[in-house]
Amino acid sequence: MLSFIAAGIYLYVVNYGYQTKKEALQKGWTKEAIELNTEKVQSVTVPNSPYVLEITNAPHKIYVFKITKHFGKYKASLADVNLLYQSINKDGMYFNKNLLEFGFDTDKPRNKDIYIDHQKMRYLSLGKYFSKSKFAWSYQNLSFYYSEHPMETKAIGPAYH
């Protein structure tokens, strides 16, 4: 009985993920966002985070992949898709199990940081990735923000300091 359990654990560990983040991301595309294989995509690795943003050109969409590492292997899972072209309001906060993981914001003033519940968020300005788009003005202040760890919040949006 123990040998069956050990064999099951071994097979899970061996088959869990991929050797590199790039391999994991490519597999994530084919499993969860197959349409990315046929579109022109800008891949943006978010510094100091587990996130990779895959930005499509037209229509504008941002696929948010979260890359995790277990047992020395990587796995990429689709956390969310922001369909920018479908909404006038590009902002949004994304929760997993009632914990804030990341968000998008278009109101961040220059030289200000994004805060949620008095906690400074890490962020990446995304405007430059849309500079060649005919909708560049709509996305010029778009930012992706995230906390170091998922957090509880009752905030309905970020503050700026």
C-alpha atoms as a PDB file:
ATOM      1  CA  MET A   1       0.000   0.000   0.000  1.00  0.00           C
ATOM      2  CA  LEU A   2       2.792   2.430   0.907  1.00  0.00           C
ATOM      3  CA  SER A   3       4.562   1.661  -2.364  1.00  0.00           C
ATOM      4  CA  PHE A   4       1.433   2.728  -4.298  1.00  0.00           C
ATOM      5  CA  ILE A   5       1.272   5.990  -2.374  1.00  0.00           C
ATOM      6  CA  ALA A   6       5.003   6.595  -2.881  1.00  0.00           C
ATOM      7  CA  ALA A   7       4.661   5.814  -6.600  1.00  0.00           C
ATOM      8  CA  GLY A   8       1.721   8.228  -6.852  1.00  0.00           C
ATOM      9  CA  ILE A   9       3.653  11.007  -5.133  1.00  0.00           C
ATOM     10  CA  TYR A  10       6.691  10.353  -7.346  1.00  0.00           C
ATOM     11  CA  LEU A  11       4.590  10.515 -10.534  1.00  0.00           C
ATOM     12  CA  TYR A  12       2.930  13.733  -9.352  1.00  0.00           C
ATOM     13  CA  VAL A  13       6.295  15.360  -8.626  1.00  0.00           C
ATOM     14  CA  VAL A  14       7.838  14.199 -11.917  1.00  0.00           C
ATOM     15  CA  ASN A  15       4.851  15.282 -14.007  1.00  0.00           C
ATOM     16  CA  TYR A  16       3.958  18.440 -12.074  1.00  0.00           C
ATOM     17  CA  GLY A  17       5.622  21.077 -14.183  1.00  0.00           C
ATOM     18  CA  TYR A  18       8.370  22.184 -16.506  1.00  0.00           C
ATOM     19  CA  GLN A  19      12.078  22.900 -16.243  1.00  0.00           C
ATOM     20  CA  THR A  20      11.826  26.577 -17.240  1.00  0.00           C
ATOM     21  CA  LYS A  21       9.320  29.381 -16.817  1.00  0.00           C
ATOM     22  CA  LYS A  22       9.159  29.736 -20.604  1.00  0.00           C
ATOM     23  CA  GLU A  23       8.146  26.081 -21.048  1.00  0.00           C
ATOM     24  CA  ALA A  24       5.528  26.425 -18.321  1.00  0.00           C
ATOM     25  CA  LEU A  25       4.136  29.567 -19.934  1.00  0.00           C
ATOM     26  CA  GLN A  26       3.928  27.931 -23.362  1.00  0.00           C
ATOM     27  CA  LYS A  27       2.034  25.014 -21.816  1.00  0.00           C
ATOM     28  CA  GLY A  28      -0.210  27.496 -20.022  1.00  0.00           C
ATOM     29  CA  TRP A  29      -1.065  29.003 -23.390  1.00  0.00           C
ATOM     30  CA  THR A  30      -2.048  25.673 -24.901  1.00  0.00           C
ATOM     31  CA  LYS A  31      -4.058  24.583 -21.857  1.00  0.00           C
ATOM     32  CA  GLU A  32      -5.808  27.805 -20.862  1.00  0.00           C
ATOM     33  CA  ALA A  33      -5.475  30.411 -23.627  1.00  0.00           C
ATOM     34  CA  ILE A  34      -5.049  28.608 -26.934  1.00  0.00           C
ATOM     35  CA  GLU A  35      -6.044  31.754 -28.857  1.00  0.00           C
ATOM     36  CA  LEU A  36      -2.660  33.261 -27.920  1.00  0.00           C
ATOM     37  CA  ASN A  37      -1.012  30.865 -30.380  1.00  0.00           C
ATOM     38  CA  THR A  38      -2.651  32.704 -33.280  1.00  0.00           C
ATOM     39  CA  GLU A  39      -2.260  36.301 -32.121  1.00  0.00           C
ATOM     40  CA  LYS A  40       0.647  38.721 -31.978  1.00  0.00           C
ATOM     41  CA  VAL A  41       1.554  38.899 -28.299  1.00  0.00           C
ATOM     42  CA  GLN A  42       3.851  41.050 -26.169  1.00  0.00           C
ATOM     43  CA  SER A  43       5.118  39.071 -23.205  1.00  0.00           C
ATOM     44  CA  VAL A  44       5.822  41.205 -20.134  1.00  0.00           C
ATOM     45  CA  THR A  45       7.494  39.695 -17.086  1.00  0.00           C
ATOM     46  CA  VAL A  46       6.411  41.680 -14.037  1.00  0.00           C
ATOM     47  CA  PRO A  47       9.539  42.339 -11.912  1.00  0.00           C
ATOM     48  CA  ASN A  48       9.732  40.742  -8.454  1.00  0.00           C
ATOM     49  CA  SER A  49       6.455  38.903  -8.892  1.00  0.00           C
ATOM     50  CA  PRO A  50       5.098  35.568 -10.055  1.00  0.00           C
ATOM     51  CA  TYR A  51       3.169  37.278 -12.877  1.00  0.00           C
ATOM     52  CA  VAL A  52       3.663  37.372 -16.630  1.00  0.00           C
ATOM     53  CA  LEU A  53       1.345  39.545 -18.719  1.00  0.00           C
ATOM     54  CA  GLU A  54       0.560  38.491 -22.273  1.00  0.00           C
ATOM     55  CA  ILE A  55      -0.765  41.533 -24.129  1.00  0.00           C
ATOM     56  CA  THR A  56      -2.582  41.106 -27.432  1.00  0.00           C
ATOM     57  CA  ASN A  57      -2.628  43.850 -30.024  1.00  0.00           C
ATOM     58  CA  ALA A  58      -6.120  43.965 -31.480  1.00  0.00           C
ATOM     59  CA  PRO A  59      -8.437  43.598 -29.763  1.00  0.00           C
ATOM     60  CA  HIS A  60      -6.489  44.628 -26.681  1.00  0.00           C
ATOM     61  CA  LYS A  61      -6.515  41.986 -23.972  1.00  0.00           C
ATOM     62  CA  ILE A  62      -4.154  41.305 -21.084  1.00  0.00           C
ATOM     63  CA  TYR A  63      -3.800  37.687 -20.020  1.00  0.00           C
ATOM     64  CA  VAL A  64      -2.384  37.455 -16.496  1.00  0.00           C
ATOM     65  CA  PHE A  65      -0.469  34.239 -15.874  1.00  0.00           C
ATOM     66  CA  LYS A  66       0.808  33.284 -12.447  1.00  0.00           C
ATOM     67  CA  ILE A  67       3.934  31.123 -12.431  1.00  0.00           C
ATOM     68  CA  THR A  68       4.544  28.924  -9.416  1.00  0.00           C
ATOM     69  CA  LYS A  69       7.471  26.675  -8.579  1.00  0.00           C
ATOM     70  CA  HIS A  70       7.197  23.391  -6.685  1.00  0.00           C
ATOM     71  CA  PHE A  71       9.756  20.618  -6.416  1.00  0.00           C
ATOM     72  CA  GLY A  72      12.086  22.555  -8.745  1.00  0.00           C
ATOM     73  CA  LYS A  73       9.541  22.693 -11.580  1.00  0.00           C
ATOM     74  CA  TYR A  74       7.411  25.529 -12.911  1.00  0.00           C
ATOM     75  CA  LYS A  75       3.718  25.703 -13.666  1.00  0.00           C
ATOM     76  CA  ALA A  76       1.817  28.595 -15.262  1.00  0.00           C
ATOM     77  CA  SER A  77      -1.871  29.105 -14.658  1.00  0.00           C
ATOM     78  CA  LEU A  78      -4.177  31.729 -16.091  1.00  0.00           C
ATOM     79  CA  ALA A  79      -5.194  34.065 -13.263  1.00  0.00           C
ATOM     80  CA  ASP A  80      -7.362  36.450 -15.289  1.00  0.00           C
ATOM     81  CA  VAL A  81      -7.999  38.088 -18.649  1.00  0.00           C
ATOM     82  CA  ASN A  82      -8.591  41.837 -18.783  1.00  0.00           C
ATOM     83  CA  LEU A  83     -10.644  42.560 -21.907  1.00  0.00           C
ATOM     84  CA  LEU A  84      -9.652  46.192 -22.306  1.00  0.00           C
ATOM     85  CA  TYR A  85     -11.673  46.746 -25.463  1.00  0.00           C
ATOM     86  CA  GLN A  86     -14.954  45.745 -23.779  1.00  0.00           C
ATOM     87  CA  SER A  87     -14.931  48.254 -20.974  1.00  0.00           C
ATOM     88  CA  ILE A  88     -14.787  52.000 -20.608  1.00  0.00           C
ATOM     89  CA  ASN A  89     -13.400  51.463 -17.101  1.00  0.00           C
ATOM     90  CA  LYS A  90     -10.083  49.593 -17.369  1.00  0.00           C
ATOM     91  CA  ASP A  91      -9.627  49.435 -13.586  1.00  0.00           C
ATOM     92  CA  GLY A  92     -10.243  46.353 -11.521  1.00  0.00           C
ATOM     93  CA  MET A  93      -9.183  44.444  -8.433  1.00  0.00           C
ATOM     94  CA  TYR A  94      -8.743  40.683  -8.697  1.00  0.00           C
ATOM     95  CA  PHE A  95      -9.364  38.405  -5.749  1.00  0.00           C
ATOM     96  CA  ASN A  96      -8.654  34.748  -5.122  1.00  0.00           C
ATOM     97  CA  LYS A  97     -10.349  33.185  -2.083  1.00  0.00           C
ATOM     98  CA  ASN A  98     -11.339  36.692  -0.893  1.00  0.00           C
ATOM     99  CA  LEU A  99      -7.718  37.903  -0.961  1.00  0.00           C
ATOM    100  CA  LEU A 100      -6.559  40.704  -3.256  1.00  0.00           C
ATOM    101  CA  GLU A 101      -3.852  39.411  -5.582  1.00  0.00           C
ATOM    102  CA  PHE A 102      -3.501  42.180  -8.179  1.00  0.00           C
ATOM    103  CA  GLY A 103      -5.309  44.949  -9.975  1.00  0.00           C
ATOM    104  CA  PHE A 104      -5.333  47.353 -12.884  1.00  0.00           C
ATOM    105  CA  ASP A 105      -5.520  51.119 -12.462  1.00  0.00           C
ATOM    106  CA  THR A 106      -5.767  54.075 -14.854  1.00  0.00           C
ATOM    107  CA  ASP A 107      -5.929  56.959 -12.357  1.00  0.00           C
ATOM    108  CA  LYS A 108      -2.450  56.876 -10.768  1.00  0.00           C
ATOM    109  CA  PRO A 109      -0.985  60.391 -10.825  1.00  0.00           C
ATOM    110  CA  ARG A 110       2.641  60.842 -11.892  1.00  0.00           C
ATOM    111  CA  ASN A 111       5.148  60.689  -9.029  1.00  0.00           C
ATOM    112  CA  LYS A 112       2.621  58.947  -6.768  1.00  0.00           C
ATOM    113  CA  ASP A 113       2.509  55.370  -5.557  1.00  0.00           C
ATOM    114  CA  ILE A 114      -0.465  53.023  -5.324  1.00  0.00           C
ATOM    115  CA  TYR A 115      -1.720  52.065  -1.854  1.00  0.00           C
ATOM    116  CA  ILE A 116      -4.393  49.661  -0.685  1.00  0.00           C
ATOM    117  CA  ASP A 117      -5.327  49.942   3.007  1.00  0.00           C
ATOM    118  CA  HIS A 118      -2.206  52.057   3.669  1.00  0.00           C
ATOM    119  CA  GLN A 119       0.022  49.334   2.213  1.00  0.00           C
ATOM    120  CA  LYS A 120       2.217  50.321  -0.722  1.00  0.00           C
ATOM    121  CA  MET A 121       1.656  48.161  -3.775  1.00  0.00           C
ATOM    122  CA  ARG A 122       4.256  47.236  -6.320  1.00  0.00           C
ATOM    123  CA  TYR A 123       3.265  48.336  -9.797  1.00  0.00           C
ATOM    124  CA  LEU A 124       4.255  48.300 -13.439  1.00  0.00           C
ATOM    125  CA  SER A 125       3.202  51.066 -15.828  1.00  0.00           C
ATOM    126  CA  LEU A 126       1.810  49.533 -19.003  1.00  0.00           C
ATOM    127  CA  GLY A 127       1.281  52.562 -21.259  1.00  0.00           C
ATOM    128  CA  LYS A 128       4.458  51.942 -23.268  1.00  0.00           C
ATOM    129  CA  TYR A 129       3.160  48.545 -24.394  1.00  0.00           C
ATOM    130  CA  PHE A 130       0.298  50.272 -26.196  1.00  0.00           C
ATOM    131  CA  SER A 131       2.310  53.142 -27.742  1.00  0.00           C
ATOM    132  CA  LYS A 132       1.718  51.916 -31.327  1.00  0.00           C
ATOM    133  CA  SER A 133      -2.002  51.357 -30.819  1.00  0.00           C
ATOM    134  CA  LYS A 134      -4.599  53.755 -32.168  1.00  0.00           C
ATOM    135  CA  PHE A 135      -6.012  53.615 -28.612  1.00  0.00           C
ATOM    136  CA  ALA A 136      -2.718  54.582 -26.949  1.00  0.00           C
ATOM    137  CA  TRP A 137      -4.319  57.583 -25.239  1.00  0.00           C
ATOM    138  CA  SER A 138      -6.805  55.255 -23.495  1.00  0.00           C
ATOM    139  CA  TYR A 139      -4.026  53.158 -21.991  1.00  0.00           C
ATOM    140  CA  GLN A 140      -1.331  55.757 -21.347  1.00  0.00           C
ATOM    141  CA  ASN A 141      -1.856  55.674 -17.555  1.00  0.00           C
ATOM    142  CA  LEU A 142      -2.693  51.977 -17.240  1.00  0.00           C
ATOM    143  CA  SER A 143      -0.814  50.239 -14.408  1.00  0.00           C
ATOM    144  CA  PHE A 144      -0.721  46.675 -13.133  1.00  0.00           C
ATOM    145  CA  TYR A 145      -0.338  46.556  -9.341  1.00  0.00           C
ATOM    146  CA  TYR A 146       0.139  43.729  -6.883  1.00  0.00           C
ATOM    147  CA  SER A 147       1.021  43.141  -3.271  1.00  0.00           C
ATOM    148  CA  GLU A 148       3.915  41.056  -2.048  1.00  0.00           C
ATOM    149  CA  HIS A 149       1.408  38.548  -0.655  1.00  0.00           C
ATOM    150  CA  PRO A 150      -2.343  38.209  -1.268  1.00  0.00           C
ATOM    151  CA  MET A 151      -4.143  40.425   1.237  1.00  0.00           C
ATOM    152  CA  GLU A 152      -7.532  40.969   2.803  1.00  0.00           C
ATOM    153  CA  THR A 153      -9.095  44.321   2.012  1.00  0.00           C
ATOM    154  CA  LYS A 154     -12.434  46.047   1.991  1.00  0.00           C
ATOM    155  CA  ALA A 155     -11.089  48.832  -0.236  1.00  0.00           C
ATOM    156  CA  ILE A 156     -12.993  49.411  -3.463  1.00  0.00           C
ATOM    157  CA  GLY A 157      -9.973  50.895  -5.199  1.00  0.00           C
ATOM    158  CA  PRO A 158      -6.473  52.211  -4.636  1.00  0.00           C
ATOM    159  CA  ALA A 159      -5.320  55.423  -2.978  1.00  0.00           C
ATOM    160  CA  TYR A 160      -2.305  57.447  -4.100  1.00  0.00           C
ATOM    161  CA  HIS A 161       0.496  58.933  -1.968  1.00  0.00           C
END
